[in-house]
Amino acid sequence: MTPPVLGVILAGGLARRMGGGDKCLLPLGSGTLLEAVIERARGQVSALVLNANGDASRFARFGLEVVPDPVPGYVGPLAGVLAGMEAAMRADPPLPWVASLAADTPFFPVDLVARLLAAVEREGAELACAASAGRAHPVFGLWPMRLAADLRRALLEEGLRKIDVWTARYRLAVVDWPTEPFDPFFNVNTPEDLAEAGRLAARAATP
């Protein structure tokens, strides 16, 4: 049984280091980065949406609801988290949790959501995020839908942009993952990273 969590794939950035455009549509193996992320997300969440800006029709083939940033100006991943929270509120029935997932990280753990949920319950925390190699990955986070109004206020009235500034206001559980045989939070920022992702995907596909 999947947990009552809405997954939001964050693809609303400008991908400047890749020359702009939709980084998540770049090829990986026989598909795209986005397809790899969708495949890993399905089964971990009860519903899945894509946070992206502009014309939503370019993502039609993936069969996901596309939710744009509710805050103008490409203000960063917190806007995508808020988009996910607001989508969770619209769900029938509403979903109490949102799991944010980066669209450029195709190998994130298949137990991500389960472990984040368990950490929140175990530690009595309000939020959770992933970590590896001594570094937090707050874009891979678990967020309660009930904080949507607080986050909207922080973004619009305070001009808050940094995820760690937001999470510092709440009890945060940090869940660490091993980095062998490679860091599961390896993400694609450059053409060289995309080539490395292709090598990792080919290795994983080899029996």
N, C-alpha and C. Protein backbone atom coordinates (compact mmCIF):
# COMPACT_ATOMS: atom_id res chain seq x y z
N MET A 1 0.85 -1.19 0.00
CA MET A 1 0.00 0.00 0.00
C MET A 1 0.89 1.25 0.00
N THR A 2 0.65 2.13 -0.94
CA THR A 2 1.47 3.35 -1.00
C THR A 2 1.02 4.33 0.08
N PRO A 3 1.95 5.10 0.63
CA PRO A 3 1.60 6.05 1.68
C PRO A 3 0.84 7.25 1.12
N PRO A 4 0.14 7.99 1.99
CA PRO A 4 -0.63 9.15 1.53
C PRO A 4 0.27 10.35 1.26
N VAL A 5 1.06 10.23 0.23
CA VAL A 5 2.06 11.24 -0.12
C VAL A 5 1.90 11.60 -1.59
N LEU A 6 1.92 12.90 -1.88
CA LEU A 6 1.98 13.36 -3.25
C LEU A 6 3.44 13.65 -3.61
N GLY A 7 3.91 13.04 -4.66
CA GLY A 7 5.26 13.32 -5.14
C GLY A 7 5.24 14.47 -6.13
N VAL A 8 6.14 15.43 -5.96
CA VAL A 8 6.26 16.53 -6.91
C VAL A 8 7.68 16.52 -7.48
N ILE A 9 7.76 16.33 -8.77
CA ILE A 9 9.05 16.34 -9.46
C ILE A 9 9.38 17.78 -9.82
N LEU A 10 10.49 18.27 -9.30
CA LEU A 10 10.86 19.68 -9.48
C LEU A 10 11.63 19.86 -10.78
N ALA A 11 10.98 20.50 -11.75
CA ALA A 11 11.61 20.75 -13.06
C ALA A 11 11.38 22.18 -13.49
N GLY A 12 11.30 23.09 -12.53
CA GLY A 12 10.96 24.47 -12.84
C GLY A 12 12.14 25.40 -13.01
N GLY A 13 13.37 24.85 -12.94
CA GLY A 13 14.54 25.71 -13.04
C GLY A 13 14.88 26.10 -14.47
N LEU A 14 15.93 26.90 -14.60
CA LEU A 14 16.31 27.43 -15.92
C LEU A 14 17.44 26.65 -16.59
N ALA A 15 18.08 25.71 -15.84
CA ALA A 15 19.13 24.85 -16.42
C ALA A 15 20.21 25.64 -17.13
N ARG A 16 20.68 26.70 -16.51
CA ARG A 16 21.67 27.57 -17.17
C ARG A 16 22.96 26.83 -17.53
N ARG A 17 23.40 25.92 -16.63
CA ARG A 17 24.66 25.23 -16.89
C ARG A 17 24.56 24.21 -18.01
N MET A 18 23.32 23.90 -18.42
CA MET A 18 23.14 23.00 -19.57
C MET A 18 22.72 23.78 -20.80
N GLY A 19 22.83 25.10 -20.75
CA GLY A 19 22.48 25.92 -21.91
C GLY A 19 21.02 26.29 -21.99
N GLY A 20 20.28 26.09 -20.87
CA GLY A 20 18.86 26.44 -20.85
C GLY A 20 17.99 25.32 -21.37
N GLY A 21 16.68 25.55 -21.38
CA GLY A 21 15.74 24.53 -21.84
C GLY A 21 15.35 23.57 -20.73
N ASP A 22 14.68 22.49 -21.12
CA ASP A 22 14.19 21.51 -20.16
C ASP A 22 15.22 20.41 -19.97
N LYS A 23 16.02 20.55 -18.93
CA LYS A 23 17.07 19.57 -18.67
C LYS A 23 16.49 18.16 -18.52
N CYS A 24 15.30 18.07 -17.92
CA CYS A 24 14.73 16.75 -17.65
C CYS A 24 14.36 15.98 -18.92
N LEU A 25 14.31 16.67 -20.06
CA LEU A 25 13.98 15.99 -21.32
C LEU A 25 15.22 15.49 -22.06
N LEU A 26 16.39 15.69 -21.47
CA LEU A 26 17.61 15.18 -22.10
C LEU A 26 17.62 13.66 -22.08
N PRO A 27 18.29 13.04 -23.06
CA PRO A 27 18.25 11.58 -23.16
C PRO A 27 19.06 10.90 -22.08
N LEU A 28 18.53 9.79 -21.61
CA LEU A 28 19.24 8.90 -20.69
C LEU A 28 18.85 7.48 -21.04
N GLY A 29 19.82 6.69 -21.48
CA GLY A 29 19.51 5.35 -21.93
C GLY A 29 18.54 5.40 -23.10
N SER A 30 17.46 4.61 -22.99
CA SER A 30 16.47 4.59 -24.06
C SER A 30 15.35 5.60 -23.84
N GLY A 31 15.45 6.39 -22.77
CA GLY A 31 14.41 7.36 -22.47
C GLY A 31 14.99 8.73 -22.17
N THR A 32 14.44 9.37 -21.16
CA THR A 32 14.88 10.71 -20.74
C THR A 32 15.15 10.70 -19.24
N LEU A 33 15.81 11.76 -18.78
CA LEU A 33 15.99 11.92 -17.34
C LEU A 33 14.65 11.88 -16.61
N LEU A 34 13.66 12.56 -17.17
CA LEU A 34 12.36 12.61 -16.51
C LEU A 34 11.73 11.23 -16.42
N GLU A 35 11.83 10.46 -17.47
CA GLU A 35 11.26 9.10 -17.42
C GLU A 35 11.93 8.26 -16.34
N ALA A 36 13.23 8.41 -16.18
CA ALA A 36 13.94 7.66 -15.12
C ALA A 36 13.44 8.07 -13.74
N VAL A 37 13.23 9.37 -13.55
CA VAL A 37 12.73 9.87 -12.27
C VAL A 37 11.31 9.38 -12.00
N ILE A 38 10.46 9.45 -13.02
CA ILE A 38 9.08 8.96 -12.86
C ILE A 38 9.07 7.49 -12.48
N GLU A 39 9.90 6.70 -13.15
CA GLU A 39 9.93 5.26 -12.87
C GLU A 39 10.32 4.98 -11.42
N ARG A 40 11.28 5.74 -10.89
CA ARG A 40 11.70 5.52 -9.50
C ARG A 40 10.67 6.05 -8.51
N ALA A 41 9.92 7.07 -8.92
CA ALA A 41 8.94 7.66 -8.00
C ALA A 41 7.68 6.83 -7.87
N ARG A 42 7.22 6.25 -8.97
CA ARG A 42 5.98 5.48 -8.94
C ARG A 42 6.14 4.32 -7.97
N GLY A 43 5.13 4.07 -7.18
CA GLY A 43 5.20 3.03 -6.16
C GLY A 43 5.63 3.57 -4.81
N GLN A 44 6.32 4.72 -4.81
CA GLN A 44 6.70 5.34 -3.54
C GLN A 44 5.64 6.31 -3.05
N VAL A 45 4.80 6.80 -3.95
CA VAL A 45 3.82 7.84 -3.61
C VAL A 45 2.46 7.43 -4.17
N SER A 46 1.41 8.05 -3.63
CA SER A 46 0.06 7.71 -4.09
C SER A 46 -0.39 8.56 -5.26
N ALA A 47 0.29 9.67 -5.52
CA ALA A 47 0.02 10.51 -6.68
C ALA A 47 1.30 11.25 -7.04
N LEU A 48 1.40 11.66 -8.29
CA LEU A 48 2.63 12.27 -8.78
C LEU A 48 2.28 13.42 -9.71
N VAL A 49 2.94 14.58 -9.49
CA VAL A 49 2.76 15.73 -10.37
C VAL A 49 4.14 16.25 -10.77
N LEU A 50 4.15 17.06 -11.82
CA LEU A 50 5.38 17.65 -12.32
C LEU A 50 5.32 19.16 -12.14
N ASN A 51 6.29 19.72 -11.45
CA ASN A 51 6.39 21.18 -11.31
C ASN A 51 7.24 21.72 -12.45
N ALA A 52 6.62 22.46 -13.35
CA ALA A 52 7.33 23.07 -14.48
C ALA A 52 6.57 24.31 -14.90
N ASN A 53 7.30 25.25 -15.50
CA ASN A 53 6.72 26.50 -15.93
C ASN A 53 6.62 26.56 -17.45
N GLY A 54 5.82 27.47 -17.96
CA GLY A 54 5.66 27.60 -19.41
C GLY A 54 4.58 26.68 -19.94
N ASP A 55 4.65 26.40 -21.22
CA ASP A 55 3.64 25.61 -21.91
C ASP A 55 3.68 24.16 -21.43
N ALA A 56 2.62 23.72 -20.77
CA ALA A 56 2.58 22.38 -20.20
C ALA A 56 2.48 21.28 -21.26
N SER A 57 2.08 21.64 -22.49
CA SER A 57 1.85 20.61 -23.50
C SER A 57 3.12 19.86 -23.87
N ARG A 58 4.29 20.47 -23.63
CA ARG A 58 5.53 19.78 -23.99
C ARG A 58 5.78 18.55 -23.12
N PHE A 59 5.04 18.41 -22.03
CA PHE A 59 5.17 17.25 -21.15
C PHE A 59 3.99 16.31 -21.26
N ALA A 60 3.12 16.51 -22.25
CA ALA A 60 1.86 15.76 -22.32
C ALA A 60 2.10 14.26 -22.39
N ARG A 61 3.15 13.84 -23.05
CA ARG A 61 3.35 12.40 -23.24
C ARG A 61 3.66 11.65 -21.95
N PHE A 62 3.97 12.38 -20.88
CA PHE A 62 4.31 11.70 -19.63
C PHE A 62 3.09 11.44 -18.75
N GLY A 63 1.95 12.02 -19.09
CA GLY A 63 0.71 11.71 -18.40
C GLY A 63 0.62 12.24 -16.98
N LEU A 64 1.37 13.29 -16.66
CA LEU A 64 1.33 13.87 -15.32
C LEU A 64 0.67 15.24 -15.35
N GLU A 65 -0.04 15.57 -14.27
CA GLU A 65 -0.49 16.95 -14.11
C GLU A 65 0.73 17.84 -13.96
N VAL A 66 0.75 18.96 -14.67
CA VAL A 66 1.85 19.91 -14.59
C VAL A 66 1.40 21.09 -13.74
N VAL A 67 2.14 21.36 -12.66
CA VAL A 67 1.78 22.44 -11.74
C VAL A 67 2.89 23.49 -11.79
N PRO A 68 2.59 24.70 -12.24
CA PRO A 68 3.62 25.74 -12.33
C PRO A 68 3.91 26.35 -10.96
N ASP A 69 5.02 27.07 -10.88
CA ASP A 69 5.32 27.81 -9.66
C ASP A 69 4.18 28.76 -9.34
N PRO A 70 3.68 28.76 -8.11
CA PRO A 70 2.64 29.72 -7.75
C PRO A 70 3.19 31.10 -7.39
N VAL A 71 4.53 31.22 -7.43
CA VAL A 71 5.21 32.48 -7.14
C VAL A 71 5.99 32.86 -8.40
N PRO A 72 5.84 34.06 -8.94
CA PRO A 72 6.51 34.42 -10.20
C PRO A 72 8.01 34.66 -10.03
N GLY A 73 8.73 34.56 -11.15
CA GLY A 73 10.11 34.98 -11.15
C GLY A 73 11.16 33.91 -10.99
N TYR A 74 10.80 32.63 -11.13
CA TYR A 74 11.78 31.55 -11.00
C TYR A 74 12.58 31.69 -9.70
N VAL A 75 11.87 31.61 -8.59
CA VAL A 75 12.48 31.90 -7.29
C VAL A 75 13.14 30.69 -6.65
N GLY A 76 13.12 29.53 -7.30
CA GLY A 76 13.84 28.38 -6.77
C GLY A 76 12.93 27.24 -6.34
N PRO A 77 13.53 26.19 -5.80
CA PRO A 77 12.77 24.96 -5.52
C PRO A 77 11.67 25.10 -4.48
N LEU A 78 11.78 26.07 -3.58
CA LEU A 78 10.70 26.22 -2.60
C LEU A 78 9.38 26.54 -3.28
N ALA A 79 9.42 27.25 -4.40
CA ALA A 79 8.19 27.52 -5.15
C ALA A 79 7.59 26.23 -5.68
N GLY A 80 8.45 25.31 -6.11
CA GLY A 80 7.96 24.01 -6.55
C GLY A 80 7.38 23.19 -5.42
N VAL A 81 8.00 23.28 -4.25
CA VAL A 81 7.45 22.60 -3.07
C VAL A 81 6.06 23.15 -2.77
N LEU A 82 5.91 24.47 -2.82
CA LEU A 82 4.60 25.07 -2.58
C LEU A 82 3.59 24.61 -3.63
N ALA A 83 4.00 24.52 -4.87
CA ALA A 83 3.10 24.01 -5.92
C ALA A 83 2.64 22.60 -5.58
N GLY A 84 3.55 21.79 -5.07
CA GLY A 84 3.18 20.44 -4.66
C GLY A 84 2.22 20.43 -3.48
N MET A 85 2.48 21.29 -2.48
CA MET A 85 1.58 21.37 -1.34
C MET A 85 0.17 21.77 -1.77
N GLU A 86 0.07 22.72 -2.68
CA GLU A 86 -1.24 23.17 -3.13
C GLU A 86 -1.93 22.09 -3.96
N ALA A 87 -1.16 21.30 -4.71
CA ALA A 87 -1.74 20.16 -5.43
C ALA A 87 -2.23 19.10 -4.45
N ALA A 88 -1.49 18.89 -3.36
CA ALA A 88 -1.91 17.92 -2.35
C ALA A 88 -3.22 18.34 -1.70
N MET A 89 -3.42 19.63 -1.53
CA MET A 89 -4.67 20.13 -0.95
C MET A 89 -5.84 19.89 -1.90
N ARG A 90 -5.58 19.93 -3.21
CA ARG A 90 -6.65 19.74 -4.20
C ARG A 90 -7.00 18.28 -4.44
N ALA A 91 -6.14 17.38 -3.97
CA ALA A 91 -6.37 15.96 -4.20
C ALA A 91 -7.66 15.52 -3.50
N ASP A 92 -8.24 14.43 -3.97
CA ASP A 92 -9.48 13.91 -3.39
C ASP A 92 -9.28 12.46 -2.98
N PRO A 93 -9.09 12.21 -1.67
CA PRO A 93 -9.06 13.18 -0.57
C PRO A 93 -7.72 13.91 -0.55
N PRO A 94 -7.64 15.04 0.17
CA PRO A 94 -6.36 15.74 0.29
C PRO A 94 -5.28 14.83 0.87
N LEU A 95 -4.06 15.02 0.40
CA LEU A 95 -2.94 14.20 0.87
C LEU A 95 -2.14 15.01 1.89
N PRO A 96 -1.81 14.42 3.04
CA PRO A 96 -1.18 15.20 4.11
C PRO A 96 0.30 15.49 3.90
N TRP A 97 0.94 14.78 2.99
CA TRP A 97 2.39 14.93 2.80
C TRP A 97 2.74 15.15 1.35
N VAL A 98 3.83 15.87 1.14
CA VAL A 98 4.42 16.06 -0.19
C VAL A 98 5.88 15.62 -0.13
N ALA A 99 6.28 14.81 -1.10
CA ALA A 99 7.69 14.45 -1.25
C ALA A 99 8.22 15.15 -2.49
N SER A 100 9.26 15.97 -2.33
CA SER A 100 9.85 16.66 -3.47
C SER A 100 11.01 15.85 -4.02
N LEU A 101 11.10 15.82 -5.35
CA LEU A 101 12.08 15.00 -6.06
C LEU A 101 12.70 15.84 -7.17
N ALA A 102 14.01 15.82 -7.29
CA ALA A 102 14.67 16.61 -8.34
C ALA A 102 14.59 15.88 -9.67
N ALA A 103 14.24 16.62 -10.72
CA ALA A 103 14.07 16.03 -12.05
C ALA A 103 15.39 15.67 -12.71
N ASP A 104 16.52 16.12 -12.13
CA ASP A 104 17.82 15.86 -12.75
C ASP A 104 18.63 14.84 -11.98
N THR A 105 17.96 14.05 -11.13
CA THR A 105 18.64 13.08 -10.26
C THR A 105 18.02 11.71 -10.50
N PRO A 106 18.49 10.98 -11.51
CA PRO A 106 17.76 9.80 -11.98
C PRO A 106 17.96 8.53 -11.17
N PHE A 107 18.84 8.55 -10.16
CA PHE A 107 19.13 7.32 -9.43
C PHE A 107 18.78 7.42 -7.95
N PHE A 108 17.88 8.35 -7.58
CA PHE A 108 17.58 8.53 -6.17
C PHE A 108 17.00 7.23 -5.58
N PRO A 109 17.08 7.05 -4.27
CA PRO A 109 16.75 5.75 -3.67
C PRO A 109 15.29 5.34 -3.86
N VAL A 110 15.09 4.05 -4.05
CA VAL A 110 13.73 3.53 -4.20
C VAL A 110 13.02 3.44 -2.85
N ASP A 111 13.76 3.61 -1.75
CA ASP A 111 13.13 3.63 -0.42
C ASP A 111 13.11 5.04 0.17
N LEU A 112 13.25 6.05 -0.68
CA LEU A 112 13.36 7.43 -0.22
C LEU A 112 12.17 7.84 0.64
N VAL A 113 10.96 7.74 0.11
CA VAL A 113 9.79 8.24 0.80
C VAL A 113 9.53 7.44 2.08
N ALA A 114 9.67 6.14 2.01
CA ALA A 114 9.43 5.30 3.19
C ALA A 114 10.36 5.68 4.33
N ARG A 115 11.63 5.90 4.01
CA ARG A 115 12.59 6.23 5.07
C ARG A 115 12.38 7.64 5.62
N LEU A 116 12.00 8.59 4.76
CA LEU A 116 11.71 9.94 5.24
C LEU A 116 10.50 9.93 6.17
N LEU A 117 9.45 9.21 5.79
CA LEU A 117 8.27 9.11 6.64
C LEU A 117 8.61 8.46 7.98
N ALA A 118 9.40 7.40 7.93
CA ALA A 118 9.77 6.71 9.17
C ALA A 118 10.58 7.62 10.09
N ALA A 119 11.44 8.44 9.51
CA ALA A 119 12.27 9.34 10.32
C ALA A 119 11.42 10.41 10.99
N VAL A 120 10.44 10.94 10.27
CA VAL A 120 9.54 11.95 10.85
C VAL A 120 8.81 11.36 12.06
N GLU A 121 8.31 10.15 11.90
CA GLU A 121 7.57 9.51 13.00
C GLU A 121 8.50 9.17 14.17
N ARG A 122 9.66 8.62 13.85
CA ARG A 122 10.60 8.19 14.90
C ARG A 122 11.12 9.37 15.71
N GLU A 123 11.41 10.48 15.03
CA GLU A 123 12.03 11.62 15.70
C GLU A 123 11.05 12.70 16.12
N GLY A 124 9.77 12.50 15.84
CA GLY A 124 8.81 13.54 16.16
C GLY A 124 9.08 14.83 15.40
N ALA A 125 9.56 14.71 14.16
CA ALA A 125 9.93 15.86 13.36
C ALA A 125 8.73 16.36 12.56
N GLU A 126 8.87 17.54 12.01
CA GLU A 126 7.84 18.12 11.15
C GLU A 126 8.18 17.96 9.67
N LEU A 127 9.46 17.94 9.36
CA LEU A 127 9.96 17.83 7.99
C LEU A 127 11.08 16.80 7.97
N ALA A 128 11.43 16.34 6.78
CA ALA A 128 12.58 15.45 6.64
C ALA A 128 13.26 15.72 5.32
N CYS A 129 14.57 15.47 5.28
CA CYS A 129 15.29 15.56 4.00
C CYS A 129 16.36 14.50 3.95
N ALA A 130 16.82 14.23 2.74
CA ALA A 130 17.84 13.22 2.50
C ALA A 130 19.24 13.82 2.65
N ALA A 131 20.22 12.94 2.84
CA ALA A 131 21.62 13.35 2.91
C ALA A 131 22.48 12.20 2.42
N SER A 132 23.70 12.54 1.98
CA SER A 132 24.71 11.55 1.63
C SER A 132 26.06 12.23 1.65
N ALA A 133 27.08 11.47 1.94
CA ALA A 133 28.45 11.98 1.95
C ALA A 133 28.59 13.25 2.79
N GLY A 134 27.87 13.30 3.90
CA GLY A 134 27.98 14.43 4.80
C GLY A 134 27.30 15.70 4.30
N ARG A 135 26.45 15.58 3.29
CA ARG A 135 25.81 16.75 2.71
C ARG A 135 24.31 16.53 2.61
N ALA A 136 23.53 17.50 3.08
CA ALA A 136 22.08 17.40 2.98
C ALA A 136 21.61 17.68 1.56
N HIS A 137 20.51 17.04 1.19
CA HIS A 137 19.89 17.24 -0.12
C HIS A 137 18.44 17.67 0.10
N PRO A 138 18.22 18.93 0.48
CA PRO A 138 16.87 19.33 0.87
C PRO A 138 15.86 19.34 -0.25
N VAL A 139 16.30 19.30 -1.52
CA VAL A 139 15.30 19.19 -2.58
C VAL A 139 14.66 17.81 -2.58
N PHE A 140 15.30 16.84 -1.92
CA PHE A 140 14.66 15.55 -1.68
C PHE A 140 14.13 15.58 -0.26
N GLY A 141 12.93 16.13 -0.13
CA GLY A 141 12.38 16.37 1.20
C GLY A 141 10.97 15.86 1.34
N LEU A 142 10.53 15.80 2.59
CA LEU A 142 9.16 15.43 2.93
C LEU A 142 8.55 16.61 3.68
N TRP A 143 7.43 17.10 3.16
CA TRP A 143 6.84 18.36 3.62
C TRP A 143 5.38 18.15 3.98
N PRO A 144 4.93 18.63 5.15
CA PRO A 144 3.51 18.50 5.49
C PRO A 144 2.68 19.55 4.76
N MET A 145 1.61 19.09 4.17
CA MET A 145 0.73 20.00 3.44
C MET A 145 0.21 21.13 4.32
N ARG A 146 0.12 20.89 5.62
CA ARG A 146 -0.44 21.90 6.52
C ARG A 146 0.42 23.17 6.62
N LEU A 147 1.67 23.10 6.14
CA LEU A 147 2.54 24.28 6.19
C LEU A 147 2.47 25.13 4.92
N ALA A 148 1.54 24.82 4.03
CA ALA A 148 1.48 25.53 2.75
C ALA A 148 1.29 27.03 2.95
N ALA A 149 0.38 27.43 3.83
CA ALA A 149 0.14 28.86 4.03
C ALA A 149 1.38 29.55 4.58
N ASP A 150 2.10 28.88 5.50
CA ASP A 150 3.33 29.45 6.04
C ASP A 150 4.37 29.64 4.95
N LEU A 151 4.51 28.65 4.08
CA LEU A 151 5.51 28.74 3.03
C LEU A 151 5.13 29.82 2.02
N ARG A 152 3.87 29.92 1.66
CA ARG A 152 3.44 30.96 0.73
C ARG A 152 3.74 32.34 1.32
N ARG A 153 3.48 32.51 2.60
CA ARG A 153 3.74 33.79 3.26
C ARG A 153 5.24 34.10 3.23
N ALA A 154 6.06 33.09 3.52
CA ALA A 154 7.50 33.30 3.55
C ALA A 154 8.03 33.69 2.17
N LEU A 155 7.51 33.06 1.14
CA LEU A 155 7.97 33.35 -0.22
C LEU A 155 7.51 34.73 -0.69
N LEU A 156 6.26 35.04 -0.46
CA LEU A 156 5.69 36.27 -1.02
C LEU A 156 5.94 37.49 -0.16
N GLU A 157 5.85 37.34 1.16
CA GLU A 157 5.96 38.50 2.05
C GLU A 157 7.37 38.71 2.58
N GLU A 158 8.10 37.61 2.80
CA GLU A 158 9.46 37.73 3.35
C GLU A 158 10.53 37.68 2.27
N GLY A 159 10.18 37.23 1.09
CA GLY A 159 11.18 37.06 0.04
C GLY A 159 12.14 35.92 0.31
N LEU A 160 11.74 34.95 1.11
CA LEU A 160 12.60 33.82 1.45
C LEU A 160 12.83 32.96 0.21
N ARG A 161 14.07 32.51 0.01
CA ARG A 161 14.41 31.70 -1.15
C ARG A 161 15.16 30.42 -0.80
N LYS A 162 15.95 30.42 0.25
CA LYS A 162 16.82 29.29 0.55
C LYS A 162 16.08 28.22 1.35
N ILE A 163 16.19 26.98 0.87
CA ILE A 163 15.48 25.88 1.53
C ILE A 163 15.95 25.71 2.97
N ASP A 164 17.27 25.78 3.21
CA ASP A 164 17.75 25.51 4.57
C ASP A 164 17.32 26.58 5.56
N VAL A 165 17.08 27.80 5.07
CA VAL A 165 16.54 28.84 5.95
C VAL A 165 15.11 28.49 6.36
N TRP A 166 14.35 27.99 5.42
CA TRP A 166 12.97 27.58 5.71
C TRP A 166 12.94 26.39 6.67
N THR A 167 13.72 25.34 6.36
CA THR A 167 13.66 24.13 7.19
C THR A 167 14.19 24.38 8.60
N ALA A 168 15.06 25.38 8.78
CA ALA A 168 15.59 25.68 10.11
C ALA A 168 14.52 26.17 11.07
N ARG A 169 13.37 26.54 10.55
CA ARG A 169 12.29 27.02 11.40
C ARG A 169 11.50 25.88 12.04
N TYR A 170 11.77 24.66 11.61
CA TYR A 170 10.97 23.51 12.03
C TYR A 170 11.88 22.38 12.50
N ARG A 171 11.27 21.38 13.11
CA ARG A 171 12.01 20.19 13.52
C ARG A 171 12.26 19.34 12.27
N LEU A 172 13.52 19.20 11.91
CA LEU A 172 13.91 18.54 10.66
C LEU A 172 14.64 17.24 10.96
N ALA A 173 14.17 16.16 10.37
CA ALA A 173 14.87 14.88 10.41
C ALA A 173 15.72 14.75 9.15
N VAL A 174 16.97 14.36 9.32
CA VAL A 174 17.89 14.17 8.19
C VAL A 174 18.22 12.69 8.08
N VAL A 175 17.99 12.11 6.92
CA VAL A 175 18.18 10.68 6.70
C VAL A 175 19.35 10.48 5.74
N ASP A 176 20.34 9.71 6.17
CA ASP A 176 21.57 9.55 5.40
C ASP A 176 21.54 8.26 4.57
N TRP A 177 22.05 8.35 3.36
CA TRP A 177 22.18 7.18 2.48
C TRP A 177 23.65 6.93 2.17
N PRO A 178 24.03 5.66 1.99
CA PRO A 178 25.41 5.33 1.61
C PRO A 178 25.71 5.77 0.18
N THR A 179 26.98 5.92 -0.13
CA THR A 179 27.39 6.40 -1.45
C THR A 179 28.11 5.33 -2.27
N GLU A 180 27.96 4.09 -1.87
CA GLU A 180 28.52 2.98 -2.65
C GLU A 180 27.40 2.15 -3.24
N PRO A 181 27.51 1.71 -4.50
CA PRO A 181 28.64 1.89 -5.41
C PRO A 181 28.76 3.31 -6.00
N PHE A 182 27.70 4.12 -5.85
CA PHE A 182 27.79 5.53 -6.23
C PHE A 182 26.74 6.28 -5.42
N ASP A 183 26.90 7.58 -5.39
CA ASP A 183 25.97 8.42 -4.63
C ASP A 183 24.61 8.43 -5.34
N PRO A 184 23.54 7.97 -4.67
CA PRO A 184 22.24 7.94 -5.34
C PRO A 184 21.68 9.32 -5.65
N PHE A 185 22.29 10.36 -5.06
CA PHE A 185 21.82 11.72 -5.30
C PHE A 185 22.70 12.45 -6.32
N PHE A 186 23.47 11.69 -7.08
CA PHE A 186 24.21 12.25 -8.20
C PHE A 186 23.23 12.94 -9.15
N ASN A 187 23.50 14.21 -9.47
CA ASN A 187 22.57 14.93 -10.33
C ASN A 187 23.29 15.50 -11.56
N VAL A 188 22.51 15.77 -12.56
CA VAL A 188 23.04 16.18 -13.87
C VAL A 188 22.97 17.70 -13.97
N ASN A 189 24.14 18.33 -13.96
CA ASN A 189 24.22 19.78 -14.10
C ASN A 189 24.97 20.22 -15.35
N THR A 190 25.80 19.35 -15.90
CA THR A 190 26.66 19.69 -17.03
C THR A 190 26.60 18.58 -18.08
N PRO A 191 27.06 18.83 -19.29
CA PRO A 191 27.12 17.75 -20.28
C PRO A 191 27.97 16.57 -19.80
N GLU A 192 29.02 16.86 -19.03
CA GLU A 192 29.86 15.78 -18.50
C GLU A 192 29.07 14.91 -17.52
N ASP A 193 28.23 15.56 -16.71
CA ASP A 193 27.39 14.80 -15.78
C ASP A 193 26.42 13.91 -16.54
N LEU A 194 25.87 14.42 -17.64
CA LEU A 194 24.93 13.63 -18.42
C LEU A 194 25.61 12.39 -18.99
N ALA A 195 26.85 12.56 -19.45
CA ALA A 195 27.60 11.41 -19.95
C ALA A 195 27.84 10.39 -18.84
N GLU A 196 28.17 10.87 -17.66
CA GLU A 196 28.39 9.96 -16.53
C GLU A 196 27.09 9.25 -16.15
N ALA A 197 25.97 9.97 -16.18
CA ALA A 197 24.69 9.34 -15.89
C ALA A 197 24.40 8.23 -16.89
N GLY A 198 24.74 8.45 -18.15
CA GLY A 198 24.56 7.41 -19.15
C GLY A 198 25.38 6.18 -18.84
N ARG A 199 26.61 6.38 -18.38
CA ARG A 199 27.46 5.23 -18.03
C ARG A 199 26.87 4.49 -16.83
N LEU A 200 26.39 5.22 -15.84
CA LEU A 200 25.81 4.58 -14.67
C LEU A 200 24.55 3.81 -15.03
N ALA A 201 23.73 4.39 -15.90
CA ALA A 201 22.51 3.71 -16.32
C ALA A 201 22.82 2.43 -17.10
N ALA A 202 23.84 2.50 -17.96
CA ALA A 202 24.23 1.31 -18.72
C ALA A 202 24.77 0.23 -17.80
N ARG A 203 25.52 0.62 -16.80
CA ARG A 203 26.04 -0.35 -15.83
C ARG A 203 24.91 -1.02 -15.07
N ALA A 204 23.90 -0.23 -14.67
CA ALA A 204 22.77 -0.78 -13.92
C ALA A 204 21.94 -1.73 -14.77
N ALA A 205 21.90 -1.48 -16.09
CA ALA A 205 21.11 -2.32 -16.98
C ALA A 205 21.80 -3.61 -17.38
N THR A 206 23.10 -3.70 -17.08
CA THR A 206 23.86 -4.89 -17.45
C THR A 206 23.61 -6.02 -16.46
N PRO A 207 23.16 -7.19 -16.92
CA PRO A 207 22.88 -8.30 -15.99
C PRO A 207 24.13 -8.71 -15.22
